[in-house]
Amino acid sequence: LATAVEAYPMLNKAKLRTELSLIYENQEFRACTGALTLFQFFMENNLQSTFTETVTLLKILVTTPMTTAE
């Protein structure tokens, strides 16, 4: 959490911590297998206004290119 907030200072650490705690406690969210499926779950269920910080972080994660090892 600290690393994410340090790397992306636009995130509200306290709110993100609360949102992530709710996500980790809920079985529905835990069924999501990765960042993209969790992001899709938020969009399909219109939760982006409730979990604003998590959605912002997920947008960053799913749009940041990943490096590949050769």
PDB file of N, CA and C in Angstrom:
ATOM      1  N   LEU A   1       0.833  -1.190   0.000  1.00  0.00           N
ATOM      2  CA  LEU A   1       0.000   0.000   0.000  1.00  0.00           C
ATOM      3  C   LEU A   1       0.876   1.251   0.000  1.00  0.00           C
ATOM      4  N   ALA A   2       1.854   1.279   0.862  1.00  0.00           N
ATOM      5  CA  ALA A   2       2.739   2.442   0.946  1.00  0.00           C
ATOM      6  C   ALA A   2       3.494   2.652  -0.359  1.00  0.00           C
ATOM      7  N   THR A   3       3.929   1.566  -0.975  1.00  0.00           N
ATOM      8  CA  THR A   3       4.660   1.657  -2.240  1.00  0.00           C
ATOM      9  C   THR A   3       3.767   2.198  -3.343  1.00  0.00           C
ATOM     10  N   ALA A   4       2.527   1.730  -3.392  1.00  0.00           N
ATOM     11  CA  ALA A   4       1.586   2.189  -4.421  1.00  0.00           C
ATOM     12  C   ALA A   4       1.296   3.676  -4.266  1.00  0.00           C
ATOM     13  N   VAL A   5       1.067   4.106  -3.031  1.00  0.00           N
ATOM     14  CA  VAL A   5       0.762   5.517  -2.784  1.00  0.00           C
ATOM     15  C   VAL A   5       1.983   6.393  -3.047  1.00  0.00           C
ATOM     16  N   GLU A   6       3.160   5.871  -2.763  1.00  0.00           N
ATOM     17  CA  GLU A   6       4.386   6.622  -3.041  1.00  0.00           C
ATOM     18  C   GLU A   6       4.594   6.760  -4.550  1.00  0.00           C
ATOM     19  N   ALA A   7       4.329   5.688  -5.280  1.00  0.00           N
ATOM     20  CA  ALA A   7       4.504   5.713  -6.736  1.00  0.00           C
ATOM     21  C   ALA A   7       3.422   6.537  -7.421  1.00  0.00           C
ATOM     22  N   TYR A   8       2.225   6.540  -6.858  1.00  0.00           N
ATOM     23  CA  TYR A   8       1.087   7.258  -7.442  1.00  0.00           C
ATOM     24  C   TYR A   8       0.482   8.168  -6.377  1.00  0.00           C
ATOM     25  N   PRO A   9       1.073   9.346  -6.174  1.00  0.00           N
ATOM     26  CA  PRO A   9       0.659  10.225  -5.076  1.00  0.00           C
ATOM     27  C   PRO A   9      -0.765  10.771  -5.194  1.00  0.00           C
ATOM     28  N   MET A  10      -1.413  10.564  -6.351  1.00  0.00           N
ATOM     29  CA  MET A  10      -2.786  11.036  -6.480  1.00  0.00           C
ATOM     30  C   MET A  10      -3.768  10.163  -5.702  1.00  0.00           C
ATOM     31  N   LEU A  11      -3.303   9.013  -5.215  1.00  0.00           N
ATOM     32  CA  LEU A  11      -4.157   8.104  -4.453  1.00  0.00           C
ATOM     33  C   LEU A  11      -4.273   8.560  -3.001  1.00  0.00           C
ATOM     34  N   ASN A  12      -5.462   8.424  -2.455  1.00  0.00           N
ATOM     35  CA  ASN A  12      -5.720   8.745  -1.057  1.00  0.00           C
ATOM     36  C   ASN A  12      -5.477   7.470  -0.243  1.00  0.00           C
ATOM     37  N   LYS A  13      -4.400   7.454   0.523  1.00  0.00           N
ATOM     38  CA  LYS A  13      -3.965   6.244   1.230  1.00  0.00           C
ATOM     39  C   LYS A  13      -5.020   5.720   2.198  1.00  0.00           C
ATOM     40  N   ALA A  14      -5.615   6.587   2.985  1.00  0.00           N
ATOM     41  CA  ALA A  14      -6.599   6.154   3.983  1.00  0.00           C
ATOM     42  C   ALA A  14      -7.827   5.545   3.312  1.00  0.00           C
ATOM     43  N   LYS A  15      -8.309   6.195   2.265  1.00  0.00           N
ATOM     44  CA  LYS A  15      -9.492   5.689   1.564  1.00  0.00           C
ATOM     45  C   LYS A  15      -9.170   4.382   0.844  1.00  0.00           C
ATOM     46  N   LEU A  16      -8.001   4.303   0.231  1.00  0.00           N
ATOM     47  CA  LEU A  16      -7.600   3.082  -0.464  1.00  0.00           C
ATOM     48  C   LEU A  16      -7.487   1.922   0.527  1.00  0.00           C
ATOM     49  N   ARG A  17      -6.935   2.169   1.693  1.00  0.00           N
ATOM     50  CA  ARG A  17      -6.816   1.125   2.722  1.00  0.00           C
ATOM     51  C   ARG A  17      -8.203   0.606   3.111  1.00  0.00           C
ATOM     52  N   THR A  18      -9.146   1.511   3.309  1.00  0.00           N
ATOM     53  CA  THR A  18     -10.511   1.115   3.669  1.00  0.00           C
ATOM     54  C   THR A  18     -11.150   0.290   2.561  1.00  0.00           C
ATOM     55  N   GLU A  19     -11.018   0.758   1.325  1.00  0.00           N
ATOM     56  CA  GLU A  19     -11.600   0.039   0.187  1.00  0.00           C
ATOM     57  C   GLU A  19     -10.990  -1.353   0.042  1.00  0.00           C
ATOM     58  N   LEU A  20      -9.682  -1.446   0.162  1.00  0.00           N
ATOM     59  CA  LEU A  20      -9.019  -2.747   0.024  1.00  0.00           C
ATOM     60  C   LEU A  20      -9.420  -3.698   1.149  1.00  0.00           C
ATOM     61  N   SER A  21      -9.616  -3.175   2.344  1.00  0.00           N
ATOM     62  CA  SER A  21     -10.075  -4.010   3.463  1.00  0.00           C
ATOM     63  C   SER A  21     -11.441  -4.608   3.159  1.00  0.00           C
ATOM     64  N   LEU A  22     -12.332  -3.801   2.605  1.00  0.00           N
ATOM     65  CA  LEU A  22     -13.662  -4.296   2.238  1.00  0.00           C
ATOM     66  C   LEU A  22     -13.576  -5.351   1.141  1.00  0.00           C
ATOM     67  N   ILE A  23     -12.699  -5.129   0.185  1.00  0.00           N
ATOM     68  CA  ILE A  23     -12.529  -6.077  -0.924  1.00  0.00           C
ATOM     69  C   ILE A  23     -12.015  -7.411  -0.405  1.00  0.00           C
ATOM     70  N   TYR A  24     -11.009  -7.369   0.460  1.00  0.00           N
ATOM     71  CA  TYR A  24     -10.422  -8.606   0.988  1.00  0.00           C
ATOM     72  C   TYR A  24     -11.402  -9.391   1.854  1.00  0.00           C
ATOM     73  N   GLU A  25     -12.343  -8.702   2.498  1.00  0.00           N
ATOM     74  CA  GLU A  25     -13.309  -9.367   3.373  1.00  0.00           C
ATOM     75  C   GLU A  25     -14.475  -9.989   2.615  1.00  0.00           C
ATOM     76  N   ASN A  26     -14.733  -9.544   1.393  1.00  0.00           N
ATOM     77  CA  ASN A  26     -15.914  -9.968   0.648  1.00  0.00           C
ATOM     78  C   ASN A  26     -15.593 -11.119  -0.304  1.00  0.00           C
ATOM     79  N   GLN A  27     -16.338 -12.220  -0.190  1.00  0.00           N
ATOM     80  CA  GLN A  27     -16.122 -13.399  -1.034  1.00  0.00           C
ATOM     81  C   GLN A  27     -16.310 -13.086  -2.512  1.00  0.00           C
ATOM     82  N   GLU A  28     -17.280 -12.235  -2.849  1.00  0.00           N
ATOM     83  CA  GLU A  28     -17.536 -11.907  -4.256  1.00  0.00           C
ATOM     84  C   GLU A  28     -16.300 -11.309  -4.920  1.00  0.00           C
ATOM     85  N   PHE A  29     -15.652 -10.414  -4.221  1.00  0.00           N
ATOM     86  CA  PHE A  29     -14.448  -9.781  -4.760  1.00  0.00           C
ATOM     87  C   PHE A  29     -13.293 -10.777  -4.828  1.00  0.00           C
ATOM     88  N   ARG A  30     -13.207 -11.638  -3.834  1.00  0.00           N
ATOM     89  CA  ARG A  30     -12.095 -12.595  -3.778  1.00  0.00           C
ATOM     90  C   ARG A  30     -12.160 -13.614  -4.906  1.00  0.00           C
ATOM     91  N   ALA A  31     -13.323 -13.752  -5.531  1.00  0.00           N
ATOM     92  CA  ALA A  31     -13.470 -14.678  -6.657  1.00  0.00           C
ATOM     93  C   ALA A  31     -12.768 -14.151  -7.913  1.00  0.00           C
ATOM     94  N   CYS A  32     -12.491 -12.865  -7.950  1.00  0.00           N
ATOM     95  CA  CYS A  32     -11.793 -12.275  -9.097  1.00  0.00           C
ATOM     96  C   CYS A  32     -10.339 -12.741  -9.068  1.00  0.00           C
ATOM     97  N   THR A  33      -9.844 -13.157 -10.235  1.00  0.00           N
ATOM     98  CA  THR A  33      -8.523 -13.781 -10.280  1.00  0.00           C
ATOM     99  C   THR A  33      -7.379 -12.834 -10.609  1.00  0.00           C
ATOM    100  N   GLY A  34      -7.664 -11.607 -10.938  1.00  0.00           N
ATOM    101  CA  GLY A  34      -6.595 -10.675 -11.269  1.00  0.00           C
ATOM    102  C   GLY A  34      -7.106  -9.252 -11.335  1.00  0.00           C
ATOM    103  N   ALA A  35      -6.211  -8.336 -11.654  1.00  0.00           N
ATOM    104  CA  ALA A  35      -6.556  -6.916 -11.699  1.00  0.00           C
ATOM    105  C   ALA A  35      -7.628  -6.629 -12.745  1.00  0.00           C
ATOM    106  N   LEU A  36      -7.500  -7.241 -13.912  1.00  0.00           N
ATOM    107  CA  LEU A  36      -8.460  -6.978 -14.986  1.00  0.00           C
ATOM    108  C   LEU A  36      -9.846  -7.511 -14.636  1.00  0.00           C
ATOM    109  N   THR A  37      -9.929  -8.705 -14.093  1.00  0.00           N
ATOM    110  CA  THR A  37     -11.244  -9.249 -13.735  1.00  0.00           C
ATOM    111  C   THR A  37     -11.881  -8.455 -12.598  1.00  0.00           C
ATOM    112  N   LEU A  38     -11.072  -7.981 -11.662  1.00  0.00           N
ATOM    113  CA  LEU A  38     -11.597  -7.142 -10.585  1.00  0.00           C
ATOM    114  C   LEU A  38     -12.095  -5.816 -11.150  1.00  0.00           C
ATOM    115  N   PHE A  39     -11.330  -5.223 -12.059  1.00  0.00           N
ATOM    116  CA  PHE A  39     -11.742  -3.972 -12.700  1.00  0.00           C
ATOM    117  C   PHE A  39     -13.060  -4.171 -13.451  1.00  0.00           C
ATOM    118  N   GLN A  40     -13.171  -5.257 -14.205  1.00  0.00           N
ATOM    119  CA  GLN A  40     -14.398  -5.552 -14.950  1.00  0.00           C
ATOM    120  C   GLN A  40     -15.578  -5.742 -13.999  1.00  0.00           C
ATOM    121  N   PHE A  41     -15.342  -6.390 -12.868  1.00  0.00           N
ATOM    122  CA  PHE A  41     -16.395  -6.576 -11.868  1.00  0.00           C
ATOM    123  C   PHE A  41     -16.907  -5.220 -11.377  1.00  0.00           C
ATOM    124  N   PHE A  42     -16.001  -4.305 -11.079  1.00  0.00           N
ATOM    125  CA  PHE A  42     -16.406  -2.967 -10.632  1.00  0.00           C
ATOM    126  C   PHE A  42     -17.228  -2.254 -11.700  1.00  0.00           C
ATOM    127  N   MET A  43     -16.801  -2.337 -12.951  1.00  0.00           N
ATOM    128  CA  MET A  43     -17.505  -1.664 -14.037  1.00  0.00           C
ATOM    129  C   MET A  43     -18.890  -2.284 -14.278  1.00  0.00           C
ATOM    130  N   GLU A  44     -18.958  -3.604 -14.311  1.00  0.00           N
ATOM    131  CA  GLU A  44     -20.228  -4.297 -14.572  1.00  0.00           C
ATOM    132  C   GLU A  44     -21.258  -4.054 -13.475  1.00  0.00           C
ATOM    133  N   ASN A  45     -20.801  -3.823 -12.268  1.00  0.00           N
ATOM    134  CA  ASN A  45     -21.699  -3.623 -11.131  1.00  0.00           C
ATOM    135  C   ASN A  45     -21.809  -2.162 -10.699  1.00  0.00           C
ATOM    136  N   ASN A  46     -21.321  -1.250 -11.533  1.00  0.00           N
ATOM    137  CA  ASN A  46     -21.389   0.195 -11.271  1.00  0.00           C
ATOM    138  C   ASN A  46     -20.874   0.569  -9.880  1.00  0.00           C
ATOM    139  N   LEU A  47     -19.708   0.032  -9.537  1.00  0.00           N
ATOM    140  CA  LEU A  47     -19.111   0.302  -8.230  1.00  0.00           C
ATOM    141  C   LEU A  47     -17.982   1.324  -8.293  1.00  0.00           C
ATOM    142  N   GLN A  48     -17.753   1.904  -9.475  1.00  0.00           N
ATOM    143  CA  GLN A  48     -16.624   2.819  -9.615  1.00  0.00           C
ATOM    144  C   GLN A  48     -16.767   4.083  -8.770  1.00  0.00           C
ATOM    145  N   SER A  49     -17.993   4.508  -8.459  1.00  0.00           N
ATOM    146  CA  SER A  49     -18.145   5.698  -7.617  1.00  0.00           C
ATOM    147  C   SER A  49     -18.006   5.356  -6.129  1.00  0.00           C
ATOM    148  N   THR A  50     -18.171   4.091  -5.785  1.00  0.00           N
ATOM    149  CA  THR A  50     -18.016   3.654  -4.395  1.00  0.00           C
ATOM    150  C   THR A  50     -16.560   3.356  -4.064  1.00  0.00           C
ATOM    151  N   PHE A  51     -15.860   2.721  -5.000  1.00  0.00           N
ATOM    152  CA  PHE A  51     -14.466   2.326  -4.798  1.00  0.00           C
ATOM    153  C   PHE A  51     -13.556   3.170  -5.698  1.00  0.00           C
ATOM    154  N   THR A  52     -13.602   4.473  -5.519  1.00  0.00           N
ATOM    155  CA  THR A  52     -12.896   5.392  -6.422  1.00  0.00           C
ATOM    156  C   THR A  52     -11.387   5.181  -6.432  1.00  0.00           C
ATOM    157  N   GLU A  53     -10.786   5.013  -5.267  1.00  0.00           N
ATOM    158  CA  GLU A  53      -9.328   4.865  -5.202  1.00  0.00           C
ATOM    159  C   GLU A  53      -8.879   3.530  -5.785  1.00  0.00           C
ATOM    160  N   THR A  54      -9.625   2.479  -5.499  1.00  0.00           N
ATOM    161  CA  THR A  54      -9.289   1.158  -6.033  1.00  0.00           C
ATOM    162  C   THR A  54      -9.412   1.151  -7.545  1.00  0.00           C
ATOM    163  N   VAL A  55     -10.470   1.756  -8.062  1.00  0.00           N
ATOM    164  CA  VAL A  55     -10.666   1.815  -9.517  1.00  0.00           C
ATOM    165  C   VAL A  55      -9.545   2.627 -10.162  1.00  0.00           C
ATOM    166  N   THR A  56      -9.142   3.722  -9.545  1.00  0.00           N
ATOM    167  CA  THR A  56      -8.030   4.517 -10.073  1.00  0.00           C
ATOM    168  C   THR A  56      -6.758   3.679 -10.134  1.00  0.00           C
ATOM    169  N   LEU A  57      -6.459   2.961  -9.067  1.00  0.00           N
ATOM    170  CA  LEU A  57      -5.272   2.107  -9.039  1.00  0.00           C
ATOM    171  C   LEU A  57      -5.374   0.993 -10.079  1.00  0.00           C
ATOM    172  N   LEU A  58      -6.537   0.385 -10.207  1.00  0.00           N
ATOM    173  CA  LEU A  58      -6.719  -0.677 -11.203  1.00  0.00           C
ATOM    174  C   LEU A  58      -6.552  -0.148 -12.624  1.00  0.00           C
ATOM    175  N   LYS A  59      -7.040   1.064 -12.890  1.00  0.00           N
ATOM    176  CA  LYS A  59      -6.860   1.672 -14.218  1.00  0.00           C
ATOM    177  C   LYS A  59      -5.375   1.825 -14.529  1.00  0.00           C
ATOM    178  N   ILE A  60      -4.611   2.243 -13.542  1.00  0.00           N
ATOM    179  CA  ILE A  60      -3.163   2.383 -13.725  1.00  0.00           C
ATOM    180  C   ILE A  60      -2.543   1.019 -14.004  1.00  0.00           C
ATOM    181  N   LEU A  61      -2.913   0.033 -13.211  1.00  0.00           N
ATOM    182  CA  LEU A  61      -2.327  -1.304 -13.343  1.00  0.00           C
ATOM    183  C   LEU A  61      -2.653  -1.969 -14.674  1.00  0.00           C
ATOM    184  N   VAL A  62      -3.888  -1.841 -15.133  1.00  0.00           N
ATOM    185  CA  VAL A  62      -4.263  -2.541 -16.367  1.00  0.00           C
ATOM    186  C   VAL A  62      -3.802  -1.816 -17.622  1.00  0.00           C
ATOM    187  N   THR A  63      -3.403  -0.556 -17.493  1.00  0.00           N
ATOM    188  CA  THR A  63      -2.939   0.176 -18.678  1.00  0.00           C
ATOM    189  C   THR A  63      -1.428   0.353 -18.727  1.00  0.00           C
ATOM    190  N   THR A  64      -0.728  -0.010 -17.660  1.00  0.00           N
ATOM    191  CA  THR A  64       0.728   0.096 -17.643  1.00  0.00           C
ATOM    192  C   THR A  64       1.324  -1.110 -18.358  1.00  0.00           C
ATOM    193  N   PRO A  65       2.140  -0.870 -19.376  1.00  0.00           N
ATOM    194  CA  PRO A  65       2.743  -2.005 -20.090  1.00  0.00           C
ATOM    195  C   PRO A  65       3.659  -2.810 -19.172  1.00  0.00           C
ATOM    196  N   MET A  66       3.660  -4.101 -19.379  1.00  0.00           N
ATOM    197  CA  MET A  66       4.532  -4.986 -18.605  1.00  0.00           C
ATOM    198  C   MET A  66       5.739  -5.341 -19.450  1.00  0.00           C
ATOM    199  N   THR A  67       6.880  -5.449 -18.803  1.00  0.00           N
ATOM    200  CA  THR A  67       8.079  -5.860 -19.529  1.00  0.00           C
ATOM    201  C   THR A  67       8.100  -7.377 -19.645  1.00  0.00           C
ATOM    202  N   THR A  68       8.748  -7.856 -20.678  1.00  0.00           N
ATOM    203  CA  THR A  68       8.866  -9.303 -20.856  1.00  0.00           C
ATOM    204  C   THR A  68      10.330  -9.696 -20.807  1.00  0.00           C
ATOM    205  N   ALA A  69      10.589 -10.854 -20.270  1.00  0.00           N
ATOM    206  CA  ALA A  69      11.962 -11.366 -20.220  1.00  0.00           C
ATOM    207  C   ALA A  69      12.235 -12.162 -21.489  1.00  0.00           C
ATOM    208  N   GLU A  70      13.380 -11.954 -22.061  1.00  0.00           N
ATOM    209  CA  GLU A  70      13.732 -12.662 -23.302  1.00  0.00           C
ATOM    210  C   GLU A  70      14.669 -13.802 -23.002  1.00  0.00           C
TER     211      GLU A  70
END
